[in-house]
Amino acid sequence: MHFDLTDLRLYLHILDTGNITAGAARSHLSLAAASARIRAMEASLGTEFLQRGRRGVTPTPAGKALAHHARILLQQAERMQQDLAEYAQGVKGQVRLLCNTTAITEYLPEVLADFLRDHPNLDIDLQELPSARITHALREGAADLGIVSDAVDTNGLQTEAFRDDPLVLILPHDHPLSDVDEVNFSDALQHDFVGLSADSALAIYLEEQALHSGARMQVRIRADGFDGVMRMVARGAGLGIVPLAAVQRATVGRFKRVTLNEPWARRTLLLCARDFAALPGYAQALLQALIDARVSEHPDVDPRQPDANRAL
């Protein structure tokens, strides 16, 4: 058996994306080189690790075992690299951070930029995923930290509140619903929407909530980001659902904001991990930076380390 760390990272990237082409791109390899590496891995043990299908790839039982051990080996390699960083010039650690749409667009850019400026030997692998997929990835050891909505099941993970993040309905001033201050999602679903891109974590989340209510969102057009949604809503293209934080910083004001009368819309974002205390030092440094950012935004929050014994 002759696997190197590049092989193992490639294999996990393929599983995370469900596609050899996307996994190769994330590993900065050509498709031909990635395919050759996977074939060589399978040939070395005489077994297949991936089931190829029209919609992508899934791991075989042997592939699931390989993924488990690959994650452990790569985590150990990264911790070793970080421990030796102070003795070797140019050695870097990497934190894997998974977030939902709002966290990435509204709360993290400045915080992460400041963190990277202050920690030149650290990189951040930042990926946007729906909250349910983030919690699954954390349980599987596929990431260090996550930021998720409190609407998802975090059983088995440790959590800390990060931000209040309510979702609101926005609509043109002349819309039939503009004469109310709050509305049920089921009533809003009777009208057309401007949505986010279909692979956006928030778009997936909203479509799931619509299905739970027994309907589907009627999306006329999909915009690239919250600013695009708000600009199109202001021009009368339809309704939109965006975080309150996006509305508060918006320069476009030609729409009305209405409260969504749904428990899932009054959400809180949570920092989460399998075990805060067991995180590598560099991941704990990022965790502390996120907590400090929360405190600076809300000075009444107690500036403390996350409670390693607290799990929801």
C-alpha atoms as a PDB file:
ATOM      1  CA  MET A   1       0.000   0.000   0.000  1.00  0.00           C
ATOM      2  CA  HIS A   2       1.565   3.279  -1.127  1.00  0.00           C
ATOM      3  CA  PHE A   3      -0.593   6.296  -0.300  1.00  0.00           C
ATOM      4  CA  ASP A   4       0.772   9.786   0.306  1.00  0.00           C
ATOM      5  CA  LEU A   5      -0.940  12.762   1.911  1.00  0.00           C
ATOM      6  CA  THR A   6      -1.837  14.217  -1.484  1.00  0.00           C
ATOM      7  CA  ASP A   7      -3.675  10.980  -2.313  1.00  0.00           C
ATOM      8  CA  LEU A   8      -5.602  11.106   0.942  1.00  0.00           C
ATOM      9  CA  ARG A   9      -6.525  14.798   0.597  1.00  0.00           C
ATOM     10  CA  LEU A  10      -7.655  14.193  -2.968  1.00  0.00           C
ATOM     11  CA  TYR A  11      -9.793  11.256  -1.913  1.00  0.00           C
ATOM     12  CA  LEU A  12     -11.512  13.266   0.841  1.00  0.00           C
ATOM     13  CA  HIS A  13     -12.050  16.214  -1.509  1.00  0.00           C
ATOM     14  CA  ILE A  14     -13.748  13.846  -3.945  1.00  0.00           C
ATOM     15  CA  LEU A  15     -16.028  12.536  -1.198  1.00  0.00           C
ATOM     16  CA  ASP A  16     -16.817  16.058   0.046  1.00  0.00           C
ATOM     17  CA  THR A  17     -17.792  17.246  -3.431  1.00  0.00           C
ATOM     18  CA  GLY A  18     -19.260  13.943  -4.655  1.00  0.00           C
ATOM     19  CA  ASN A  19     -17.412  14.376  -7.917  1.00  0.00           C
ATOM     20  CA  ILE A  20     -13.915  13.459  -9.155  1.00  0.00           C
ATOM     21  CA  THR A  21     -13.678  16.564 -11.332  1.00  0.00           C
ATOM     22  CA  ALA A  22     -14.564  18.918  -8.462  1.00  0.00           C
ATOM     23  CA  GLY A  23     -12.319  17.004  -6.064  1.00  0.00           C
ATOM     24  CA  ALA A  24      -9.427  17.316  -8.506  1.00  0.00           C
ATOM     25  CA  ALA A  25     -10.005  21.061  -8.840  1.00  0.00           C
ATOM     26  CA  ARG A  26     -10.052  21.526  -5.067  1.00  0.00           C
ATOM     27  CA  SER A  27      -6.774  19.564  -4.886  1.00  0.00           C
ATOM     28  CA  HIS A  28      -5.248  21.689  -7.684  1.00  0.00           C
ATOM     29  CA  LEU A  29      -4.803  18.605  -9.877  1.00  0.00           C
ATOM     30  CA  SER A  30      -5.895  17.886 -13.426  1.00  0.00           C
ATOM     31  CA  LEU A  31      -8.724  15.407 -13.881  1.00  0.00           C
ATOM     32  CA  ALA A  32      -6.338  12.951 -15.535  1.00  0.00           C
ATOM     33  CA  ALA A  33      -3.842  13.147 -12.675  1.00  0.00           C
ATOM     34  CA  ALA A  34      -6.573  12.781 -10.054  1.00  0.00           C
ATOM     35  CA  SER A  35      -8.111   9.772 -11.821  1.00  0.00           C
ATOM     36  CA  ALA A  36      -4.690   8.138 -12.098  1.00  0.00           C
ATOM     37  CA  ARG A  37      -4.049   8.602  -8.391  1.00  0.00           C
ATOM     38  CA  ILE A  38      -7.402   7.061  -7.441  1.00  0.00           C
ATOM     39  CA  ARG A  39      -6.859   4.106  -9.785  1.00  0.00           C
ATOM     40  CA  ALA A  40      -3.398   3.546  -8.292  1.00  0.00           C
ATOM     41  CA  MET A  41      -4.830   3.611  -4.760  1.00  0.00           C
ATOM     42  CA  GLU A  42      -7.465   1.042  -5.681  1.00  0.00           C
ATOM     43  CA  ALA A  43      -4.954  -1.132  -7.517  1.00  0.00           C
ATOM     44  CA  SER A  44      -2.575  -1.163  -4.547  1.00  0.00           C
ATOM     45  CA  LEU A  45      -5.188  -2.939  -2.408  1.00  0.00           C
ATOM     46  CA  GLY A  46      -7.100  -4.671  -5.167  1.00  0.00           C
ATOM     47  CA  THR A  47     -10.413  -3.124  -4.154  1.00  0.00           C
ATOM     48  CA  GLU A  48     -12.575  -0.208  -5.251  1.00  0.00           C
ATOM     49  CA  PHE A  49     -13.001   2.780  -2.965  1.00  0.00           C
ATOM     50  CA  LEU A  50     -15.540   4.641  -5.106  1.00  0.00           C
ATOM     51  CA  GLN A  51     -18.777   3.674  -6.769  1.00  0.00           C
ATOM     52  CA  ARG A  52     -19.091   5.648 -10.003  1.00  0.00           C
ATOM     53  CA  GLY A  53     -22.553   6.764 -11.065  1.00  0.00           C
ATOM     54  CA  ARG A  54     -24.203   9.222 -13.425  1.00  0.00           C
ATOM     55  CA  ARG A  55     -24.625  11.727 -10.590  1.00  0.00           C
ATOM     56  CA  GLY A  56     -21.149  11.408  -9.139  1.00  0.00           C
ATOM     57  CA  VAL A  57     -19.344   9.052  -6.816  1.00  0.00           C
ATOM     58  CA  THR A  58     -20.080   7.512  -3.426  1.00  0.00           C
ATOM     59  CA  PRO A  59     -17.734   5.516  -1.177  1.00  0.00           C
ATOM     60  CA  THR A  60     -17.824   1.727  -1.057  1.00  0.00           C
ATOM     61  CA  PRO A  61     -17.579   0.070   2.382  1.00  0.00           C
ATOM     62  CA  ALA A  62     -13.811  -0.037   1.878  1.00  0.00           C
ATOM     63  CA  GLY A  63     -13.925   3.604   0.819  1.00  0.00           C
ATOM     64  CA  LYS A  64     -15.746   4.587   4.016  1.00  0.00           C
ATOM     65  CA  ALA A  65     -13.059   2.858   6.078  1.00  0.00           C
ATOM     66  CA  LEU A  66     -10.365   4.647   4.070  1.00  0.00           C
ATOM     67  CA  ALA A  67     -12.082   8.018   4.628  1.00  0.00           C
ATOM     68  CA  HIS A  68     -12.185   7.438   8.396  1.00  0.00           C
ATOM     69  CA  HIS A  69      -8.471   6.682   8.602  1.00  0.00           C
ATOM     70  CA  ALA A  70      -7.546   9.372   6.075  1.00  0.00           C
ATOM     71  CA  ARG A  71      -9.196  12.071   8.193  1.00  0.00           C
ATOM     72  CA  ILE A  72      -7.331  10.900  11.305  1.00  0.00           C
ATOM     73  CA  LEU A  73      -3.984  10.762   9.494  1.00  0.00           C
ATOM     74  CA  LEU A  74      -4.404  14.195   7.921  1.00  0.00           C
ATOM     75  CA  GLN A  75      -5.451  15.743  11.226  1.00  0.00           C
ATOM     76  CA  GLN A  76      -2.388  14.256  12.886  1.00  0.00           C
ATOM     77  CA  ALA A  77      -0.171  15.499  10.056  1.00  0.00           C
ATOM     78  CA  GLU A  78      -1.586  19.012  10.370  1.00  0.00           C
ATOM     79  CA  ARG A  79      -1.070  19.031  14.134  1.00  0.00           C
ATOM     80  CA  MET A  80       2.499  17.849  13.690  1.00  0.00           C
ATOM     81  CA  GLN A  81       3.048  20.578  11.113  1.00  0.00           C
ATOM     82  CA  GLN A  82       1.688  23.215  13.474  1.00  0.00           C
ATOM     83  CA  ASP A  83       3.793  21.952  16.400  1.00  0.00           C
ATOM     84  CA  LEU A  84       6.915  22.207  14.235  1.00  0.00           C
ATOM     85  CA  ALA A  85       6.010  25.534  12.673  1.00  0.00           C
ATOM     86  CA  GLU A  86       7.885  27.556  15.268  1.00  0.00           C
ATOM     87  CA  TYR A  87      11.061  25.640  14.389  1.00  0.00           C
ATOM     88  CA  ALA A  88      10.790  25.885  10.602  1.00  0.00           C
ATOM     89  CA  GLN A  89      10.344  28.941   8.427  1.00  0.00           C
ATOM     90  CA  GLY A  90       7.350  28.954   6.101  1.00  0.00           C
ATOM     91  CA  VAL A  91       5.489  25.974   7.609  1.00  0.00           C
ATOM     92  CA  LYS A  92       1.757  26.690   7.755  1.00  0.00           C
ATOM     93  CA  GLY A  93      -1.252  25.293   9.535  1.00  0.00           C
ATOM     94  CA  GLN A  94      -4.760  25.260   8.083  1.00  0.00           C
ATOM     95  CA  VAL A  95      -8.131  25.578   9.781  1.00  0.00           C
ATOM     96  CA  ARG A  96     -11.175  24.042   8.090  1.00  0.00           C
ATOM     97  CA  LEU A  97     -14.184  26.297   8.693  1.00  0.00           C
ATOM     98  CA  LEU A  98     -17.661  25.478   7.329  1.00  0.00           C
ATOM     99  CA  CYS A  99     -20.362  28.166   7.368  1.00  0.00           C
ATOM    100  CA  ASN A 100     -23.833  28.896   6.121  1.00  0.00           C
ATOM    101  CA  THR A 101     -24.551  31.695   3.654  1.00  0.00           C
ATOM    102  CA  THR A 102     -25.202  34.493   6.129  1.00  0.00           C
ATOM    103  CA  ALA A 103     -22.102  33.867   8.211  1.00  0.00           C
ATOM    104  CA  ILE A 104     -19.847  33.983   5.159  1.00  0.00           C
ATOM    105  CA  THR A 105     -21.367  37.087   3.587  1.00  0.00           C
ATOM    106  CA  GLU A 106     -22.406  39.197   6.581  1.00  0.00           C
ATOM    107  CA  TYR A 107     -20.234  38.431   9.594  1.00  0.00           C
ATOM    108  CA  LEU A 108     -16.923  36.848   8.610  1.00  0.00           C
ATOM    109  CA  PRO A 109     -15.038  38.792   5.901  1.00  0.00           C
ATOM    110  CA  GLU A 110     -13.497  41.413   8.213  1.00  0.00           C
ATOM    111  CA  VAL A 111     -13.010  38.994  11.125  1.00  0.00           C
ATOM    112  CA  LEU A 112     -11.209  36.417   8.982  1.00  0.00           C
ATOM    113  CA  ALA A 113      -9.137  39.053   7.188  1.00  0.00           C
ATOM    114  CA  ASP A 114      -7.923  40.438  10.527  1.00  0.00           C
ATOM    115  CA  PHE A 115      -7.171  36.929  11.759  1.00  0.00           C
ATOM    116  CA  LEU A 116      -5.111  36.074   8.669  1.00  0.00           C
ATOM    117  CA  ARG A 117      -3.228  39.357   8.948  1.00  0.00           C
ATOM    118  CA  ASP A 118      -2.333  38.603  12.565  1.00  0.00           C
ATOM    119  CA  HIS A 119      -1.477  34.922  11.916  1.00  0.00           C
ATOM    120  CA  PRO A 120       0.753  34.789   8.818  1.00  0.00           C
ATOM    121  CA  ASN A 121       1.480  31.064   9.299  1.00  0.00           C
ATOM    122  CA  LEU A 122      -2.175  30.044   9.165  1.00  0.00           C
ATOM    123  CA  ASP A 123      -4.532  29.492   6.242  1.00  0.00           C
ATOM    124  CA  ILE A 124      -8.315  29.032   6.353  1.00  0.00           C
ATOM    125  CA  ASP A 125     -10.182  26.534   4.197  1.00  0.00           C
ATOM    126  CA  LEU A 126     -13.581  28.299   4.139  1.00  0.00           C
ATOM    127  CA  GLN A 127     -16.546  26.535   2.560  1.00  0.00           C
ATOM    128  CA  GLU A 128     -20.249  27.363   2.365  1.00  0.00           C
ATOM    129  CA  LEU A 129     -22.645  24.504   3.125  1.00  0.00           C
ATOM    130  CA  PRO A 130     -26.185  24.119   4.472  1.00  0.00           C
ATOM    131  CA  SER A 131     -26.199  23.863   8.261  1.00  0.00           C
ATOM    132  CA  ALA A 132     -27.289  20.205   8.294  1.00  0.00           C
ATOM    133  CA  ARG A 133     -24.334  19.222   6.097  1.00  0.00           C
ATOM    134  CA  ILE A 134     -21.987  21.208   8.321  1.00  0.00           C
ATOM    135  CA  THR A 135     -23.030  19.327  11.455  1.00  0.00           C
ATOM    136  CA  HIS A 136     -22.615  16.025   9.604  1.00  0.00           C
ATOM    137  CA  ALA A 137     -19.133  17.013   8.443  1.00  0.00           C
ATOM    138  CA  LEU A 138     -18.119  18.009  11.977  1.00  0.00           C
ATOM    139  CA  ARG A 139     -19.319  14.703  13.407  1.00  0.00           C
ATOM    140  CA  GLU A 140     -17.313  12.891  10.732  1.00  0.00           C
ATOM    141  CA  GLY A 141     -14.189  14.911  11.556  1.00  0.00           C
ATOM    142  CA  ALA A 142     -14.164  16.589   8.136  1.00  0.00           C
ATOM    143  CA  ALA A 143     -13.774  20.109   9.568  1.00  0.00           C
ATOM    144  CA  ASP A 144     -12.482  21.861  12.645  1.00  0.00           C
ATOM    145  CA  LEU A 145     -15.186  24.474  13.200  1.00  0.00           C
ATOM    146  CA  GLY A 146     -18.627  25.267  11.877  1.00  0.00           C
ATOM    147  CA  ILE A 147     -21.132  28.099  12.055  1.00  0.00           C
ATOM    148  CA  VAL A 148     -24.722  26.874  11.735  1.00  0.00           C
ATOM    149  CA  SER A 149     -28.296  27.905  12.348  1.00  0.00           C
ATOM    150  CA  ASP A 150     -29.764  26.765  15.656  1.00  0.00           C
ATOM    151  CA  ALA A 151     -32.632  25.257  13.662  1.00  0.00           C
ATOM    152  CA  VAL A 152     -30.550  22.136  12.927  1.00  0.00           C
ATOM    153  CA  ASP A 153     -29.802  19.211  15.216  1.00  0.00           C
ATOM    154  CA  THR A 154     -26.454  19.763  16.958  1.00  0.00           C
ATOM    155  CA  ASN A 155     -26.639  16.640  19.107  1.00  0.00           C
ATOM    156  CA  GLY A 156     -23.149  15.342  19.828  1.00  0.00           C
ATOM    157  CA  LEU A 157     -21.489  18.687  19.110  1.00  0.00           C
ATOM    158  CA  GLN A 158     -20.452  21.466  21.446  1.00  0.00           C
ATOM    159  CA  THR A 159     -21.896  24.876  20.653  1.00  0.00           C
ATOM    160  CA  GLU A 160     -21.604  28.551  21.528  1.00  0.00           C
ATOM    161  CA  ALA A 161     -23.920  31.356  20.424  1.00  0.00           C
ATOM    162  CA  PHE A 162     -22.311  33.521  17.739  1.00  0.00           C
ATOM    163  CA  ARG A 163     -24.888  35.978  16.370  1.00  0.00           C
ATOM    164  CA  ASP A 164     -28.626  36.598  16.383  1.00  0.00           C
ATOM    165  CA  ASP A 165     -29.522  36.192  12.714  1.00  0.00           C
ATOM    166  CA  PRO A 166     -33.247  36.656  12.002  1.00  0.00           C
ATOM    167  CA  LEU A 167     -34.515  36.287   8.464  1.00  0.00           C
ATOM    168  CA  VAL A 168     -36.976  38.860   7.136  1.00  0.00           C
ATOM    169  CA  LEU A 169     -39.270  39.125   4.138  1.00  0.00           C
ATOM    170  CA  ILE A 170     -38.636  42.071   1.809  1.00  0.00           C
ATOM    171  CA  LEU A 171     -41.114  43.276  -0.801  1.00  0.00           C
ATOM    172  CA  PRO A 172     -41.858  46.249  -3.058  1.00  0.00           C
ATOM    173  CA  HIS A 173     -43.852  49.048  -1.441  1.00  0.00           C
ATOM    174  CA  ASP A 174     -46.792  48.476  -3.821  1.00  0.00           C
ATOM    175  CA  HIS A 175     -47.008  44.718  -3.180  1.00  0.00           C
ATOM    176  CA  PRO A 176     -50.328  43.260  -1.870  1.00  0.00           C
ATOM    177  CA  LEU A 177     -48.571  42.185   1.357  1.00  0.00           C
ATOM    178  CA  SER A 178     -47.049  45.609   2.011  1.00  0.00           C
ATOM    179  CA  ASP A 179     -49.867  46.681   4.342  1.00  0.00           C
ATOM    180  CA  VAL A 180     -48.907  44.159   7.064  1.00  0.00           C
ATOM    181  CA  ASP A 181     -45.992  44.160   9.515  1.00  0.00           C
ATOM    182  CA  GLU A 182     -45.622  40.402   9.781  1.00  0.00           C
ATOM    183  CA  VAL A 183     -46.616  37.478   7.576  1.00  0.00           C
ATOM    184  CA  ASN A 184     -46.709  33.706   7.627  1.00  0.00           C
ATOM    185  CA  PHE A 185     -44.395  31.955   5.192  1.00  0.00           C
ATOM    186  CA  SER A 186     -47.336  30.007   3.755  1.00  0.00           C
ATOM    187  CA  ASP A 187     -49.003  33.294   2.755  1.00  0.00           C
ATOM    188  CA  ALA A 188     -45.796  34.619   1.193  1.00  0.00           C
ATOM    189  CA  LEU A 189     -45.492  31.410  -0.836  1.00  0.00           C
ATOM    190  CA  GLN A 190     -48.578  32.429  -2.808  1.00  0.00           C
ATOM    191  CA  HIS A 191     -46.385  35.054  -4.534  1.00  0.00           C
ATOM    192  CA  ASP A 192     -43.291  35.070  -6.748  1.00  0.00           C
ATOM    193  CA  PHE A 193     -39.795  35.276  -5.286  1.00  0.00           C
ATOM    194  CA  VAL A 194     -36.350  36.510  -6.175  1.00  0.00           C
ATOM    195  CA  GLY A 195     -34.058  33.770  -4.878  1.00  0.00           C
ATOM    196  CA  LEU A 196     -30.385  33.188  -4.237  1.00  0.00           C
ATOM    197  CA  SER A 197     -28.380  30.820  -6.438  1.00  0.00           C
ATOM    198  CA  ALA A 198     -29.729  27.280  -6.259  1.00  0.00           C
ATOM    199  CA  ASP A 199     -26.597  25.908  -4.575  1.00  0.00           C
ATOM    200  CA  SER A 200     -26.603  28.605  -1.886  1.00  0.00           C
ATOM    201  CA  ALA A 201     -26.993  27.190   1.620  1.00  0.00           C
ATOM    202  CA  LEU A 202     -29.785  29.658   2.426  1.00  0.00           C
ATOM    203  CA  ALA A 203     -31.643  28.887  -0.813  1.00  0.00           C
ATOM    204  CA  ILE A 204     -31.594  25.175   0.033  1.00  0.00           C
ATOM    205  CA  TYR A 205     -32.769  25.937   3.570  1.00  0.00           C
ATOM    206  CA  LEU A 206     -35.699  28.089   2.401  1.00  0.00           C
ATOM    207  CA  GLU A 207     -36.806  25.529  -0.163  1.00  0.00           C
ATOM    208  CA  GLU A 208     -36.793  22.878   2.567  1.00  0.00           C
ATOM    209  CA  GLN A 209     -38.984  25.096   4.772  1.00  0.00           C
ATOM    210  CA  ALA A 210     -41.372  25.637   1.867  1.00  0.00           C
ATOM    211  CA  LEU A 211     -41.685  21.877   1.344  1.00  0.00           C
ATOM    212  CA  HIS A 212     -42.370  21.416   5.061  1.00  0.00           C
ATOM    213  CA  SER A 213     -45.276  23.836   4.691  1.00  0.00           C
ATOM    214  CA  GLY A 214     -46.629  21.830   1.756  1.00  0.00           C
ATOM    215  CA  ALA A 215     -45.699  24.208  -1.044  1.00  0.00           C
ATOM    216  CA  ARG A 216     -42.822  25.245  -3.272  1.00  0.00           C
ATOM    217  CA  MET A 217     -41.139  28.594  -3.718  1.00  0.00           C
ATOM    218  CA  GLN A 218     -42.028  30.188  -7.043  1.00  0.00           C
ATOM    219  CA  VAL A 219     -38.635  31.613  -7.955  1.00  0.00           C
ATOM    220  CA  ARG A 220     -38.731  33.864 -11.013  1.00  0.00           C
ATOM    221  CA  ILE A 221     -35.016  34.614 -11.024  1.00  0.00           C
ATOM    222  CA  ARG A 222     -31.968  33.859  -8.907  1.00  0.00           C
ATOM    223  CA  ALA A 223     -29.577  36.624  -7.905  1.00  0.00           C
ATOM    224  CA  ASP A 224     -25.928  36.442  -6.937  1.00  0.00           C
ATOM    225  CA  GLY A 225     -25.916  37.450  -3.275  1.00  0.00           C
ATOM    226  CA  PHE A 226     -28.144  39.399  -0.926  1.00  0.00           C
ATOM    227  CA  ASP A 227     -27.420  42.735  -2.607  1.00  0.00           C
ATOM    228  CA  GLY A 228     -28.696  41.363  -5.906  1.00  0.00           C
ATOM    229  CA  VAL A 229     -31.874  40.051  -4.260  1.00  0.00           C
ATOM    230  CA  MET A 230     -32.575  43.401  -2.576  1.00  0.00           C
ATOM    231  CA  ARG A 231     -31.970  45.417  -5.747  1.00  0.00           C
ATOM    232  CA  MET A 232     -34.329  43.207  -7.754  1.00  0.00           C
ATOM    233  CA  VAL A 233     -37.012  43.285  -5.064  1.00  0.00           C
ATOM    234  CA  ALA A 234     -36.747  47.086  -4.963  1.00  0.00           C
ATOM    235  CA  ARG A 235     -37.480  47.088  -8.719  1.00  0.00           C
ATOM    236  CA  GLY A 236     -40.598  44.955  -8.278  1.00  0.00           C
ATOM    237  CA  ALA A 237     -39.343  41.547  -9.467  1.00  0.00           C
ATOM    238  CA  GLY A 238     -40.838  39.683  -6.519  1.00  0.00           C
ATOM    239  CA  LEU A 239     -40.432  38.945  -2.822  1.00  0.00           C
ATOM    240  CA  GLY A 240     -37.168  38.065  -1.142  1.00  0.00           C
ATOM    241  CA  ILE A 241     -36.000  36.534   2.121  1.00  0.00           C
ATOM    242  CA  VAL A 242     -32.690  37.817   3.453  1.00  0.00           C
ATOM    243  CA  PRO A 243     -30.985  38.202   6.828  1.00  0.00           C
ATOM    244  CA  LEU A 244     -31.883  41.311   8.803  1.00  0.00           C
ATOM    245  CA  ALA A 245     -28.148  42.130   8.905  1.00  0.00           C
ATOM    246  CA  ALA A 246     -28.101  42.427   5.111  1.00  0.00           C
ATOM    247  CA  VAL A 247     -31.065  44.821   5.147  1.00  0.00           C
ATOM    248  CA  GLN A 248     -29.495  46.978   7.842  1.00  0.00           C
ATOM    249  CA  ARG A 249     -26.343  47.571   5.816  1.00  0.00           C
ATOM    250  CA  ALA A 250     -28.170  47.939   2.482  1.00  0.00           C
ATOM    251  CA  THR A 251     -27.846  51.144   0.488  1.00  0.00           C
ATOM    252  CA  VAL A 252     -30.969  50.219  -1.481  1.00  0.00           C
ATOM    253  CA  GLY A 253     -34.007  51.383   0.486  1.00  0.00           C
ATOM    254  CA  ARG A 254     -36.895  51.142  -1.955  1.00  0.00           C
ATOM    255  CA  PHE A 255     -38.522  48.088  -0.406  1.00  0.00           C
ATOM    256  CA  LYS A 256     -40.427  47.226   2.759  1.00  0.00           C
ATOM    257  CA  ARG A 257     -39.209  44.847   5.450  1.00  0.00           C
ATOM    258  CA  VAL A 258     -41.780  42.507   6.999  1.00  0.00           C
ATOM    259  CA  THR A 259     -41.295  40.123   9.928  1.00  0.00           C
ATOM    260  CA  LEU A 260     -41.598  36.436   9.069  1.00  0.00           C
ATOM    261  CA  ASN A 261     -43.902  34.871  11.636  1.00  0.00           C
ATOM    262  CA  GLU A 262     -42.018  31.564  11.780  1.00  0.00           C
ATOM    263  CA  PRO A 263     -39.878  30.086  14.584  1.00  0.00           C
ATOM    264  CA  TRP A 264     -37.194  29.037  12.073  1.00  0.00           C
ATOM    265  CA  ALA A 265     -36.820  32.652  10.908  1.00  0.00           C
ATOM    266  CA  ARG A 266     -35.950  33.862  14.438  1.00  0.00           C
ATOM    267  CA  ARG A 267     -32.682  32.027  14.382  1.00  0.00           C
ATOM    268  CA  THR A 268     -29.333  32.253  16.117  1.00  0.00           C
ATOM    269  CA  LEU A 269     -26.035  31.303  14.543  1.00  0.00           C
ATOM    270  CA  LEU A 270     -23.930  28.878  16.570  1.00  0.00           C
ATOM    271  CA  LEU A 271     -20.211  28.173  16.650  1.00  0.00           C
ATOM    272  CA  CYS A 272     -19.786  24.432  16.899  1.00  0.00           C
ATOM    273  CA  ALA A 273     -17.180  21.678  16.988  1.00  0.00           C
ATOM    274  CA  ARG A 274     -16.914  18.088  18.146  1.00  0.00           C
ATOM    275  CA  ASP A 275     -14.879  19.194  21.161  1.00  0.00           C
ATOM    276  CA  PHE A 276     -13.647  22.760  21.643  1.00  0.00           C
ATOM    277  CA  ALA A 277     -10.934  21.685  24.063  1.00  0.00           C
ATOM    278  CA  ALA A 278      -9.563  19.060  21.658  1.00  0.00           C
ATOM    279  CA  LEU A 279      -9.116  21.491  18.749  1.00  0.00           C
ATOM    280  CA  PRO A 280      -5.551  22.052  17.531  1.00  0.00           C
ATOM    281  CA  GLY A 281      -3.987  25.239  18.811  1.00  0.00           C
ATOM    282  CA  TYR A 282      -4.414  27.087  15.538  1.00  0.00           C
ATOM    283  CA  ALA A 283      -8.122  26.199  15.365  1.00  0.00           C
ATOM    284  CA  GLN A 284      -8.545  27.367  18.952  1.00  0.00           C
ATOM    285  CA  ALA A 285      -6.915  30.660  17.944  1.00  0.00           C
ATOM    286  CA  LEU A 286      -9.559  31.132  15.237  1.00  0.00           C
ATOM    287  CA  LEU A 287     -12.314  30.144  17.652  1.00  0.00           C
ATOM    288  CA  GLN A 288     -11.137  32.789  20.089  1.00  0.00           C
ATOM    289  CA  ALA A 289     -11.046  35.396  17.316  1.00  0.00           C
ATOM    290  CA  LEU A 290     -14.663  34.587  16.447  1.00  0.00           C
ATOM    291  CA  ILE A 291     -15.671  34.822  20.107  1.00  0.00           C
ATOM    292  CA  ASP A 292     -13.846  38.141  20.451  1.00  0.00           C
ATOM    293  CA  ALA A 293     -15.696  39.435  17.380  1.00  0.00           C
ATOM    294  CA  ARG A 294     -18.976  38.398  18.967  1.00  0.00           C
ATOM    295  CA  VAL A 295     -18.083  40.253  22.137  1.00  0.00           C
ATOM    296  CA  SER A 296     -17.081  43.423  20.275  1.00  0.00           C
ATOM    297  CA  GLU A 297     -20.416  43.354  18.448  1.00  0.00           C
ATOM    298  CA  HIS A 298     -22.333  42.724  21.706  1.00  0.00           C
ATOM    299  CA  PRO A 299     -20.335  44.199  24.624  1.00  0.00           C
ATOM    300  CA  ASP A 300     -22.756  42.761  27.185  1.00  0.00           C
ATOM    301  CA  VAL A 301     -21.676  39.211  26.265  1.00  0.00           C
ATOM    302  CA  ASP A 302     -19.307  37.656  28.780  1.00  0.00           C
ATOM    303  CA  PRO A 303     -15.852  37.380  27.095  1.00  0.00           C
ATOM    304  CA  ARG A 304     -15.028  33.833  28.085  1.00  0.00           C
ATOM    305  CA  GLN A 305     -13.715  30.666  26.557  1.00  0.00           C
ATOM    306  CA  PRO A 306     -16.395  28.292  25.210  1.00  0.00           C
ATOM    307  CA  ASP A 307     -17.728  25.825  27.741  1.00  0.00           C
ATOM    308  CA  ALA A 308     -16.206  22.502  26.720  1.00  0.00           C
ATOM    309  CA  ASN A 309     -18.824  20.635  28.780  1.00  0.00           C
ATOM    310  CA  ARG A 310     -21.797  22.256  27.085  1.00  0.00           C
ATOM    311  CA  ALA A 311     -23.478  20.401  24.238  1.00  0.00           C
ATOM    312  CA  LEU A 312     -26.976  20.733  22.775  1.00  0.00           C
END
